[in-house]
């Protein structure tokens, strides 16, 4: 039986524990029985069996240091599991959450780590019913506070959450305006699920901005003297980042990453390290106005002969 087949034949709980062993070896260089006992609440004998099983499946990955009674990373280590960068960085910065922390208990980082403090967090008693509505495909009545129109009662049909990097939105059909819109979760109050089915025109496949995919090519900003460093920063291949994103989130993404979207790369401030090589890719994108420097193309008026 091959290594991957052996791992797949294990129970989900066993794979979770072996993945944690793999993680600790990979990013910390060592793991002991107390680490498994503390993380999973297993008995000492169970922790010993898990470590022995990992050593049996991937002997090159792990060695036992008898003098310190700890397992260390092997010289020929090759990760047994795929460790997604976003999950790894979240774990290193916030610790492993199990959902039972009390309100005054904060998750501790696994390594010294500092990250920008989020200034805005959705309230759980608002986010939870919105999530239930998305899962059940049900409309929800809300009280919403808009910058343009103030407070209003609305019924929306939510179908997705959007993390803009600065705050959380919910993408939904808005029965008041008859349009698909983004609603800032922190501006929602009193969400109540309605026991009814959405209408055909309220379903996400009718949201043109959501279903439309735009192709963007980001390159090092032309003003920079050392573009090779930017290519290194972003892991560029062939000198650019080519990405496909929903039109509904394109503006948020370009704003978050400070991408100069002006046609002549005129933004010179330090934060603009990337340039959108073809700003016309944003044509028809409703939130393109959020993209730094973006200018909607001016329609040409044909001259009469």
C-alpha atoms as a PDB file:
ATOM      1  CA  UNK A   1       0.000   0.000   0.000  1.00  0.00           C
ATOM      2  CA  UNK A   2       1.430   3.400  -0.976  1.00  0.00           C
ATOM      3  CA  UNK A   3       1.896   6.226   1.510  1.00  0.00           C
ATOM      4  CA  UNK A   4      -1.144   8.237   0.279  1.00  0.00           C
ATOM      5  CA  UNK A   5      -3.314   5.099   0.214  1.00  0.00           C
ATOM      6  CA  UNK A   6      -2.268   4.279   3.758  1.00  0.00           C
ATOM      7  CA  UNK A   7      -3.235   7.757   4.947  1.00  0.00           C
ATOM      8  CA  UNK A   8      -6.582   7.642   3.125  1.00  0.00           C
ATOM      9  CA  UNK A   9      -7.442   4.321   4.776  1.00  0.00           C
ATOM     10  CA  UNK A  10      -7.289   5.914   8.247  1.00  0.00           C
ATOM     11  CA  UNK A  11     -10.268   7.374  10.067  1.00  0.00           C
ATOM     12  CA  UNK A  12     -10.889  11.107   9.881  1.00  0.00           C
ATOM     13  CA  UNK A  13      -9.833  11.537  13.526  1.00  0.00           C
ATOM     14  CA  UNK A  14      -6.566   9.681  12.896  1.00  0.00           C
ATOM     15  CA  UNK A  15      -5.798  11.801   9.833  1.00  0.00           C
ATOM     16  CA  UNK A  16      -6.420  14.955  11.871  1.00  0.00           C
ATOM     17  CA  UNK A  17      -3.921  13.866  14.503  1.00  0.00           C
ATOM     18  CA  UNK A  18      -1.331  12.765  11.952  1.00  0.00           C
ATOM     19  CA  UNK A  19      -1.737  16.052  10.077  1.00  0.00           C
ATOM     20  CA  UNK A  20      -1.038  17.865  13.345  1.00  0.00           C
ATOM     21  CA  UNK A  21       2.121  15.794  13.869  1.00  0.00           C
ATOM     22  CA  UNK A  22       3.156  16.655  10.314  1.00  0.00           C
ATOM     23  CA  UNK A  23       2.431  20.341  10.946  1.00  0.00           C
ATOM     24  CA  UNK A  24       4.429  20.481  14.196  1.00  0.00           C
ATOM     25  CA  UNK A  25       7.414  18.753  12.634  1.00  0.00           C
ATOM     26  CA  UNK A  26       7.302  20.927   9.521  1.00  0.00           C
ATOM     27  CA  UNK A  27       6.934  24.315  11.212  1.00  0.00           C
ATOM     28  CA  UNK A  28       8.390  23.713  14.691  1.00  0.00           C
ATOM     29  CA  UNK A  29      10.885  20.919  14.046  1.00  0.00           C
ATOM     30  CA  UNK A  30       9.654  18.818  16.940  1.00  0.00           C
ATOM     31  CA  UNK A  31       6.629  17.315  18.657  1.00  0.00           C
ATOM     32  CA  UNK A  32       6.078  15.494  21.931  1.00  0.00           C
ATOM     33  CA  UNK A  33       3.283  13.430  23.433  1.00  0.00           C
ATOM     34  CA  UNK A  34       2.079  16.423  25.522  1.00  0.00           C
ATOM     35  CA  UNK A  35       1.391  18.377  22.296  1.00  0.00           C
ATOM     36  CA  UNK A  36      -1.072  15.709  21.108  1.00  0.00           C
ATOM     37  CA  UNK A  37      -2.576  15.261  24.554  1.00  0.00           C
ATOM     38  CA  UNK A  38      -3.192  18.996  24.928  1.00  0.00           C
ATOM     39  CA  UNK A  39      -4.531  19.492  21.399  1.00  0.00           C
ATOM     40  CA  UNK A  40      -6.817  16.458  21.109  1.00  0.00           C
ATOM     41  CA  UNK A  41      -7.406  15.328  24.675  1.00  0.00           C
ATOM     42  CA  UNK A  42      -6.119  11.841  23.935  1.00  0.00           C
ATOM     43  CA  UNK A  43      -4.644   9.554  26.570  1.00  0.00           C
ATOM     44  CA  UNK A  44      -0.842   9.229  26.747  1.00  0.00           C
ATOM     45  CA  UNK A  45      -1.048   5.726  25.266  1.00  0.00           C
ATOM     46  CA  UNK A  46      -3.108   7.078  22.358  1.00  0.00           C
ATOM     47  CA  UNK A  47      -0.552   9.805  21.684  1.00  0.00           C
ATOM     48  CA  UNK A  48       2.190   7.201  21.638  1.00  0.00           C
ATOM     49  CA  UNK A  49       0.247   5.102  19.105  1.00  0.00           C
ATOM     50  CA  UNK A  50      -0.305   8.116  16.838  1.00  0.00           C
ATOM     51  CA  UNK A  51       3.384   8.989  16.854  1.00  0.00           C
ATOM     52  CA  UNK A  52       4.299   5.361  16.157  1.00  0.00           C
ATOM     53  CA  UNK A  53       1.805   5.240  13.275  1.00  0.00           C
ATOM     54  CA  UNK A  54       3.217   8.427  11.760  1.00  0.00           C
ATOM     55  CA  UNK A  55       6.723   7.005  12.082  1.00  0.00           C
ATOM     56  CA  UNK A  56       5.602   3.803  10.406  1.00  0.00           C
ATOM     57  CA  UNK A  57       4.039   5.649   7.431  1.00  0.00           C
ATOM     58  CA  UNK A  58       6.780   8.296   7.004  1.00  0.00           C
ATOM     59  CA  UNK A  59       9.948   7.053   8.743  1.00  0.00           C
ATOM     60  CA  UNK A  60      12.148   9.581   6.928  1.00  0.00           C
ATOM     61  CA  UNK A  61      10.165  12.457   8.439  1.00  0.00           C
ATOM     62  CA  UNK A  62      10.676  11.814  12.132  1.00  0.00           C
ATOM     63  CA  UNK A  63      13.389  10.773  14.580  1.00  0.00           C
ATOM     64  CA  UNK A  64      13.200  10.171  18.310  1.00  0.00           C
ATOM     65  CA  UNK A  65      15.496  12.129  20.628  1.00  0.00           C
ATOM     66  CA  UNK A  66      15.712   9.790  23.597  1.00  0.00           C
ATOM     67  CA  UNK A  67      17.688  12.177  25.799  1.00  0.00           C
ATOM     68  CA  UNK A  68      14.903  14.766  25.664  1.00  0.00           C
ATOM     69  CA  UNK A  69      12.018  12.335  25.025  1.00  0.00           C
ATOM     70  CA  UNK A  70      10.815  14.270  22.016  1.00  0.00           C
ATOM     71  CA  UNK A  71      10.373  13.560  18.312  1.00  0.00           C
ATOM     72  CA  UNK A  72      12.301  15.750  15.876  1.00  0.00           C
ATOM     73  CA  UNK A  73      12.109  16.442  12.150  1.00  0.00           C
ATOM     74  CA  UNK A  74      14.032  14.028   9.959  1.00  0.00           C
ATOM     75  CA  UNK A  75      16.718  15.273   7.574  1.00  0.00           C
ATOM     76  CA  UNK A  76      14.801  13.868   4.573  1.00  0.00           C
ATOM     77  CA  UNK A  77      11.474  15.336   5.718  1.00  0.00           C
ATOM     78  CA  UNK A  78       8.804  15.688   3.058  1.00  0.00           C
ATOM     79  CA  UNK A  79       5.330  16.793   4.231  1.00  0.00           C
ATOM     80  CA  UNK A  80       2.846  13.960   4.392  1.00  0.00           C
ATOM     81  CA  UNK A  81      -0.092  16.377   4.065  1.00  0.00           C
ATOM     82  CA  UNK A  82      -0.777  19.494   2.007  1.00  0.00           C
ATOM     83  CA  UNK A  83      -0.623  22.500   4.318  1.00  0.00           C
ATOM     84  CA  UNK A  84      -2.617  25.371   2.786  1.00  0.00           C
ATOM     85  CA  UNK A  85      -0.734  28.673   3.339  1.00  0.00           C
ATOM     86  CA  UNK A  86      -3.804  30.565   4.563  1.00  0.00           C
ATOM     87  CA  UNK A  87      -4.632  27.933   7.179  1.00  0.00           C
ATOM     88  CA  UNK A  88      -1.012  27.665   8.307  1.00  0.00           C
ATOM     89  CA  UNK A  89      -0.619  31.418   8.727  1.00  0.00           C
ATOM     90  CA  UNK A  90      -3.959  31.631  10.546  1.00  0.00           C
ATOM     91  CA  UNK A  91      -2.894  28.871  12.939  1.00  0.00           C
ATOM     92  CA  UNK A  92       0.493  30.458  13.575  1.00  0.00           C
ATOM     93  CA  UNK A  93      -1.079  33.870  14.232  1.00  0.00           C
ATOM     94  CA  UNK A  94      -4.212  32.844  16.132  1.00  0.00           C
ATOM     95  CA  UNK A  95      -3.646  29.325  17.409  1.00  0.00           C
ATOM     96  CA  UNK A  96      -5.919  26.380  16.766  1.00  0.00           C
ATOM     97  CA  UNK A  97      -9.515  27.228  17.655  1.00  0.00           C
ATOM     98  CA  UNK A  98     -11.992  24.587  18.776  1.00  0.00           C
ATOM     99  CA  UNK A  99     -15.003  26.832  19.254  1.00  0.00           C
ATOM    100  CA  UNK A 100     -15.267  26.438  23.033  1.00  0.00           C
ATOM    101  CA  UNK A 101     -13.294  29.471  24.159  1.00  0.00           C
ATOM    102  CA  UNK A 102     -15.166  31.684  26.562  1.00  0.00           C
ATOM    103  CA  UNK A 103     -15.785  35.375  25.821  1.00  0.00           C
ATOM    104  CA  UNK A 104     -12.762  36.447  27.854  1.00  0.00           C
ATOM    105  CA  UNK A 105     -10.400  33.823  26.479  1.00  0.00           C
ATOM    106  CA  UNK A 106      -8.278  34.755  23.486  1.00  0.00           C
ATOM    107  CA  UNK A 107      -6.545  32.284  21.212  1.00  0.00           C
ATOM    108  CA  UNK A 108      -2.803  32.423  21.623  1.00  0.00           C
ATOM    109  CA  UNK A 109      -0.469  32.507  18.604  1.00  0.00           C
ATOM    110  CA  UNK A 110       1.713  29.453  18.134  1.00  0.00           C
ATOM    111  CA  UNK A 111       4.711  31.674  17.399  1.00  0.00           C
ATOM    112  CA  UNK A 112       5.363  35.364  18.123  1.00  0.00           C
ATOM    113  CA  UNK A 113       3.270  37.066  15.467  1.00  0.00           C
ATOM    114  CA  UNK A 114       1.816  40.514  14.969  1.00  0.00           C
ATOM    115  CA  UNK A 115      -0.809  41.421  12.388  1.00  0.00           C
ATOM    116  CA  UNK A 116      -2.917  44.543  11.811  1.00  0.00           C
ATOM    117  CA  UNK A 117      -5.814  44.717  14.237  1.00  0.00           C
ATOM    118  CA  UNK A 118      -9.217  44.416  12.608  1.00  0.00           C
ATOM    119  CA  UNK A 119     -11.273  47.484  13.436  1.00  0.00           C
ATOM    120  CA  UNK A 120     -14.581  45.859  12.552  1.00  0.00           C
ATOM    121  CA  UNK A 121     -16.064  42.488  13.518  1.00  0.00           C
ATOM    122  CA  UNK A 122     -19.593  41.279  12.697  1.00  0.00           C
ATOM    123  CA  UNK A 123     -21.772  40.497  15.692  1.00  0.00           C
ATOM    124  CA  UNK A 124     -22.301  36.760  15.969  1.00  0.00           C
ATOM    125  CA  UNK A 125     -26.039  37.142  16.670  1.00  0.00           C
ATOM    126  CA  UNK A 126     -26.299  38.885  13.290  1.00  0.00           C
ATOM    127  CA  UNK A 127     -23.849  36.757  11.328  1.00  0.00           C
ATOM    128  CA  UNK A 128     -25.321  33.433  12.504  1.00  0.00           C
ATOM    129  CA  UNK A 129     -28.884  33.947  11.160  1.00  0.00           C
ATOM    130  CA  UNK A 130     -27.465  35.376   7.912  1.00  0.00           C
ATOM    131  CA  UNK A 131     -25.396  32.194   7.521  1.00  0.00           C
ATOM    132  CA  UNK A 132     -28.456  30.057   8.256  1.00  0.00           C
ATOM    133  CA  UNK A 133     -30.396  31.961   5.595  1.00  0.00           C
ATOM    134  CA  UNK A 134     -27.629  31.361   3.036  1.00  0.00           C
ATOM    135  CA  UNK A 135     -27.514  27.667   3.894  1.00  0.00           C
ATOM    136  CA  UNK A 136     -31.297  27.228   3.795  1.00  0.00           C
ATOM    137  CA  UNK A 137     -31.716  29.475   0.704  1.00  0.00           C
ATOM    138  CA  UNK A 138     -34.300  31.610   2.513  1.00  0.00           C
ATOM    139  CA  UNK A 139     -35.092  35.336   2.456  1.00  0.00           C
ATOM    140  CA  UNK A 140     -34.383  37.282   5.615  1.00  0.00           C
ATOM    141  CA  UNK A 141     -35.913  40.491   6.897  1.00  0.00           C
ATOM    142  CA  UNK A 142     -33.419  42.982   8.276  1.00  0.00           C
ATOM    143  CA  UNK A 143     -33.106  46.527   9.538  1.00  0.00           C
ATOM    144  CA  UNK A 144     -30.299  48.117   7.545  1.00  0.00           C
ATOM    145  CA  UNK A 145     -28.337  51.332   8.007  1.00  0.00           C
ATOM    146  CA  UNK A 146     -27.198  52.792   4.700  1.00  0.00           C
ATOM    147  CA  UNK A 147     -24.774  55.686   4.235  1.00  0.00           C
ATOM    148  CA  UNK A 148     -26.969  57.099   1.476  1.00  0.00           C
ATOM    149  CA  UNK A 149     -30.522  56.436   2.661  1.00  0.00           C
ATOM    150  CA  UNK A 150     -30.239  55.939   6.405  1.00  0.00           C
ATOM    151  CA  UNK A 151     -32.207  53.282   8.317  1.00  0.00           C
ATOM    152  CA  UNK A 152     -34.750  51.115   6.514  1.00  0.00           C
ATOM    153  CA  UNK A 153     -36.577  47.811   6.784  1.00  0.00           C
ATOM    154  CA  UNK A 154     -35.694  45.424   3.983  1.00  0.00           C
ATOM    155  CA  UNK A 155     -36.070  41.841   2.861  1.00  0.00           C
ATOM    156  CA  UNK A 156     -32.984  40.395   1.250  1.00  0.00           C
ATOM    157  CA  UNK A 157     -32.154  36.986  -0.212  1.00  0.00           C
ATOM    158  CA  UNK A 158     -28.520  36.341   0.779  1.00  0.00           C
ATOM    159  CA  UNK A 159     -26.390  33.745  -0.965  1.00  0.00           C
ATOM    160  CA  UNK A 160     -22.708  34.460  -0.178  1.00  0.00           C
ATOM    161  CA  UNK A 161     -20.356  36.178   2.249  1.00  0.00           C
ATOM    162  CA  UNK A 162     -17.606  38.434   0.903  1.00  0.00           C
ATOM    163  CA  UNK A 163     -14.455  39.305   2.830  1.00  0.00           C
ATOM    164  CA  UNK A 164     -13.080  42.554   1.390  1.00  0.00           C
ATOM    165  CA  UNK A 165     -10.057  42.482   3.679  1.00  0.00           C
ATOM    166  CA  UNK A 166     -11.440  45.430   5.642  1.00  0.00           C
ATOM    167  CA  UNK A 167     -14.960  44.247   6.469  1.00  0.00           C
ATOM    168  CA  UNK A 168     -17.475  41.506   5.739  1.00  0.00           C
ATOM    169  CA  UNK A 169     -20.320  41.900   3.270  1.00  0.00           C
ATOM    170  CA  UNK A 170     -23.216  39.655   2.355  1.00  0.00           C
ATOM    171  CA  UNK A 171     -24.154  39.403  -1.315  1.00  0.00           C
ATOM    172  CA  UNK A 172     -27.922  39.316  -1.664  1.00  0.00           C
ATOM    173  CA  UNK A 173     -30.921  40.219  -3.757  1.00  0.00           C
ATOM    174  CA  UNK A 174     -32.561  43.303  -2.294  1.00  0.00           C
ATOM    175  CA  UNK A 175     -36.346  43.325  -2.702  1.00  0.00           C
ATOM    176  CA  UNK A 176     -36.532  47.040  -1.944  1.00  0.00           C
ATOM    177  CA  UNK A 177     -34.389  48.096  -4.907  1.00  0.00           C
ATOM    178  CA  UNK A 178     -35.000  45.014  -7.034  1.00  0.00           C
ATOM    179  CA  UNK A 179     -31.234  44.572  -7.470  1.00  0.00           C
ATOM    180  CA  UNK A 180     -28.397  42.380  -6.299  1.00  0.00           C
ATOM    181  CA  UNK A 181     -26.295  44.338  -3.822  1.00  0.00           C
ATOM    182  CA  UNK A 182     -23.633  44.080  -1.125  1.00  0.00           C
ATOM    183  CA  UNK A 183     -24.714  44.652   2.464  1.00  0.00           C
ATOM    184  CA  UNK A 184     -22.162  45.411   5.182  1.00  0.00           C
ATOM    185  CA  UNK A 185     -22.800  42.865   7.934  1.00  0.00           C
ATOM    186  CA  UNK A 186     -22.039  45.331  10.745  1.00  0.00           C
ATOM    187  CA  UNK A 187     -24.860  47.595   9.469  1.00  0.00           C
ATOM    188  CA  UNK A 188     -27.490  44.852   9.727  1.00  0.00           C
ATOM    189  CA  UNK A 189     -29.790  44.561  12.732  1.00  0.00           C
ATOM    190  CA  UNK A 190     -32.586  42.195  13.738  1.00  0.00           C
ATOM    191  CA  UNK A 191     -32.222  39.556  10.982  1.00  0.00           C
ATOM    192  CA  UNK A 192     -35.203  37.178  10.863  1.00  0.00           C
ATOM    193  CA  UNK A 193     -35.482  34.215   8.498  1.00  0.00           C
ATOM    194  CA  UNK A 194     -38.671  34.005   6.469  1.00  0.00           C
ATOM    195  CA  UNK A 195     -40.312  30.672   5.776  1.00  0.00           C
ATOM    196  CA  UNK A 196     -40.619  31.058   2.032  1.00  0.00           C
ATOM    197  CA  UNK A 197     -38.753  30.196  -1.150  1.00  0.00           C
ATOM    198  CA  UNK A 198     -36.867  32.848  -3.148  1.00  0.00           C
ATOM    199  CA  UNK A 199     -38.379  33.908  -6.457  1.00  0.00           C
ATOM    200  CA  UNK A 200     -36.629  32.774  -9.632  1.00  0.00           C
ATOM    201  CA  UNK A 201     -35.201  36.238 -10.316  1.00  0.00           C
ATOM    202  CA  UNK A 202     -33.732  36.419  -6.783  1.00  0.00           C
ATOM    203  CA  UNK A 203     -31.381  33.465  -7.195  1.00  0.00           C
ATOM    204  CA  UNK A 204     -27.618  33.945  -7.604  1.00  0.00           C
ATOM    205  CA  UNK A 205     -27.490  32.683 -11.191  1.00  0.00           C
ATOM    206  CA  UNK A 206     -29.358  35.875 -12.130  1.00  0.00           C
ATOM    207  CA  UNK A 207     -26.726  38.094 -10.527  1.00  0.00           C
ATOM    208  CA  UNK A 208     -24.742  39.219 -13.575  1.00  0.00           C
ATOM    209  CA  UNK A 209     -21.952  40.797 -11.521  1.00  0.00           C
ATOM    210  CA  UNK A 210     -21.575  37.609  -9.496  1.00  0.00           C
ATOM    211  CA  UNK A 211     -21.612  35.168 -12.406  1.00  0.00           C
ATOM    212  CA  UNK A 212     -19.377  37.294 -14.647  1.00  0.00           C
ATOM    213  CA  UNK A 213     -15.690  36.423 -14.384  1.00  0.00           C
ATOM    214  CA  UNK A 214     -13.141  39.086 -15.290  1.00  0.00           C
ATOM    215  CA  UNK A 215      -9.542  38.300 -16.186  1.00  0.00           C
ATOM    216  CA  UNK A 216      -6.968  40.649 -14.687  1.00  0.00           C
ATOM    217  CA  UNK A 217      -3.240  40.852 -15.341  1.00  0.00           C
ATOM    218  CA  UNK A 218      -1.162  42.552 -12.644  1.00  0.00           C
ATOM    219  CA  UNK A 219       2.432  43.562 -13.313  1.00  0.00           C
ATOM    220  CA  UNK A 220       5.112  45.382 -11.288  1.00  0.00           C
ATOM    221  CA  UNK A 221       4.426  49.112 -11.320  1.00  0.00           C
ATOM    222  CA  UNK A 222       6.403  50.663 -14.208  1.00  0.00           C
ATOM    223  CA  UNK A 223       7.865  53.384 -11.957  1.00  0.00           C
ATOM    224  CA  UNK A 224       9.811  50.844  -9.876  1.00  0.00           C
ATOM    225  CA  UNK A 225      13.532  50.457 -10.521  1.00  0.00           C
ATOM    226  CA  UNK A 226      13.679  46.821  -9.361  1.00  0.00           C
ATOM    227  CA  UNK A 227      10.600  45.026 -10.709  1.00  0.00           C
ATOM    228  CA  UNK A 228      12.263  41.658 -10.079  1.00  0.00           C
ATOM    229  CA  UNK A 229      11.716  42.140  -6.343  1.00  0.00           C
ATOM    230  CA  UNK A 230       7.975  42.639  -6.873  1.00  0.00           C
ATOM    231  CA  UNK A 231       7.915  39.533  -9.067  1.00  0.00           C
ATOM    232  CA  UNK A 232       9.520  37.688  -6.149  1.00  0.00           C
ATOM    233  CA  UNK A 233       7.072  39.173  -3.614  1.00  0.00           C
ATOM    234  CA  UNK A 234       4.066  37.873  -5.508  1.00  0.00           C
ATOM    235  CA  UNK A 235       5.531  34.675  -6.949  1.00  0.00           C
ATOM    236  CA  UNK A 236       4.971  35.939 -10.489  1.00  0.00           C
ATOM    237  CA  UNK A 237       5.507  33.659 -13.442  1.00  0.00           C
ATOM    238  CA  UNK A 238       6.273  35.203 -16.827  1.00  0.00           C
ATOM    239  CA  UNK A 239       6.469  38.595 -15.150  1.00  0.00           C
ATOM    240  CA  UNK A 240       2.827  38.978 -14.120  1.00  0.00           C
ATOM    241  CA  UNK A 241      -0.049  37.670 -12.028  1.00  0.00           C
ATOM    242  CA  UNK A 242      -2.987  36.500 -14.104  1.00  0.00           C
ATOM    243  CA  UNK A 243      -6.148  35.988 -12.130  1.00  0.00           C
ATOM    244  CA  UNK A 244      -9.813  35.375 -12.717  1.00  0.00           C
ATOM    245  CA  UNK A 245     -12.212  36.957 -10.207  1.00  0.00           C
ATOM    246  CA  UNK A 246     -15.900  37.663  -9.962  1.00  0.00           C
ATOM    247  CA  UNK A 247     -16.867  41.118 -11.194  1.00  0.00           C
ATOM    248  CA  UNK A 248     -18.721  41.592  -7.898  1.00  0.00           C
ATOM    249  CA  UNK A 249     -15.452  41.443  -5.914  1.00  0.00           C
ATOM    250  CA  UNK A 250     -12.908  42.839  -8.398  1.00  0.00           C
ATOM    251  CA  UNK A 251     -13.010  46.411  -7.071  1.00  0.00           C
ATOM    252  CA  UNK A 252     -12.561  45.282  -3.475  1.00  0.00           C
ATOM    253  CA  UNK A 253      -9.590  43.118  -4.396  1.00  0.00           C
ATOM    254  CA  UNK A 254      -7.823  45.845  -6.372  1.00  0.00           C
ATOM    255  CA  UNK A 255      -8.385  48.352  -3.569  1.00  0.00           C
ATOM    256  CA  UNK A 256      -7.129  45.949  -0.918  1.00  0.00           C
ATOM    257  CA  UNK A 257      -3.890  45.261  -2.812  1.00  0.00           C
ATOM    258  CA  UNK A 258      -3.389  48.929  -3.823  1.00  0.00           C
ATOM    259  CA  UNK A 259      -3.261  48.153  -7.533  1.00  0.00           C
ATOM    260  CA  UNK A 260      -2.851  51.220  -9.754  1.00  0.00           C
ATOM    261  CA  UNK A 261      -5.682  50.904 -12.287  1.00  0.00           C
ATOM    262  CA  UNK A 262      -5.077  54.154 -14.128  1.00  0.00           C
ATOM    263  CA  UNK A 263      -4.490  53.747 -17.868  1.00  0.00           C
ATOM    264  CA  UNK A 264      -1.130  55.586 -17.717  1.00  0.00           C
ATOM    265  CA  UNK A 265       0.052  54.222 -14.316  1.00  0.00           C
ATOM    266  CA  UNK A 266       0.026  57.742 -12.895  1.00  0.00           C
ATOM    267  CA  UNK A 267      -0.242  56.830  -9.195  1.00  0.00           C
ATOM    268  CA  UNK A 268       3.230  57.348  -7.738  1.00  0.00           C
ATOM    269  CA  UNK A 269       2.698  56.809  -4.004  1.00  0.00           C
ATOM    270  CA  UNK A 270       4.735  54.118  -2.300  1.00  0.00           C
ATOM    271  CA  UNK A 271       1.838  51.724  -1.671  1.00  0.00           C
ATOM    272  CA  UNK A 272       1.244  51.209  -5.400  1.00  0.00           C
ATOM    273  CA  UNK A 273       3.576  48.329  -6.249  1.00  0.00           C
ATOM    274  CA  UNK A 274       1.312  46.743  -8.873  1.00  0.00           C
ATOM    275  CA  UNK A 275      -0.352  48.028 -12.039  1.00  0.00           C
ATOM    276  CA  UNK A 276      -3.367  46.636 -13.865  1.00  0.00           C
ATOM    277  CA  UNK A 277      -1.923  46.283 -17.348  1.00  0.00           C
ATOM    278  CA  UNK A 278      -5.322  46.455 -19.076  1.00  0.00           C
ATOM    279  CA  UNK A 279      -7.784  48.714 -17.228  1.00  0.00           C
ATOM    280  CA  UNK A 280     -10.390  47.996 -19.919  1.00  0.00           C
ATOM    281  CA  UNK A 281     -10.802  44.590 -18.258  1.00  0.00           C
ATOM    282  CA  UNK A 282     -12.918  46.443 -15.668  1.00  0.00           C
ATOM    283  CA  UNK A 283     -15.386  47.745 -18.221  1.00  0.00           C
ATOM    284  CA  UNK A 284     -18.901  47.079 -16.953  1.00  0.00           C
ATOM    285  CA  UNK A 285     -17.704  46.115 -13.447  1.00  0.00           C
ATOM    286  CA  UNK A 286     -20.015  48.014 -11.102  1.00  0.00           C
ATOM    287  CA  UNK A 287     -17.547  48.375  -8.252  1.00  0.00           C
ATOM    288  CA  UNK A 288     -14.647  49.396 -10.533  1.00  0.00           C
ATOM    289  CA  UNK A 289     -14.993  52.860  -8.969  1.00  0.00           C
ATOM    290  CA  UNK A 290     -13.257  51.411  -5.908  1.00  0.00           C
ATOM    291  CA  UNK A 291     -10.158  50.481  -7.936  1.00  0.00           C
ATOM    292  CA  UNK A 292      -7.402  53.070  -7.350  1.00  0.00           C
ATOM    293  CA  UNK A 293      -7.008  55.422 -10.312  1.00  0.00           C
ATOM    294  CA  UNK A 294      -9.620  53.712 -12.466  1.00  0.00           C
ATOM    295  CA  UNK A 295     -11.313  55.883 -15.082  1.00  0.00           C
ATOM    296  CA  UNK A 296     -14.311  54.675 -17.028  1.00  0.00           C
ATOM    297  CA  UNK A 297     -13.619  54.883 -20.769  1.00  0.00           C
ATOM    298  CA  UNK A 298     -15.243  57.857 -22.472  1.00  0.00           C
ATOM    299  CA  UNK A 299     -17.540  56.918 -25.313  1.00  0.00           C
ATOM    300  CA  UNK A 300     -16.429  58.380 -28.625  1.00  0.00           C
ATOM    301  CA  UNK A 301     -18.981  60.498 -30.500  1.00  0.00           C
ATOM    302  CA  UNK A 302     -18.905  59.936 -34.245  1.00  0.00           C
ATOM    303  CA  UNK A 303     -18.491  63.133 -36.212  1.00  0.00           C
ATOM    304  CA  UNK A 304     -20.921  63.946 -38.969  1.00  0.00           C
ATOM    305  CA  UNK A 305     -19.393  64.267 -42.394  1.00  0.00           C
END
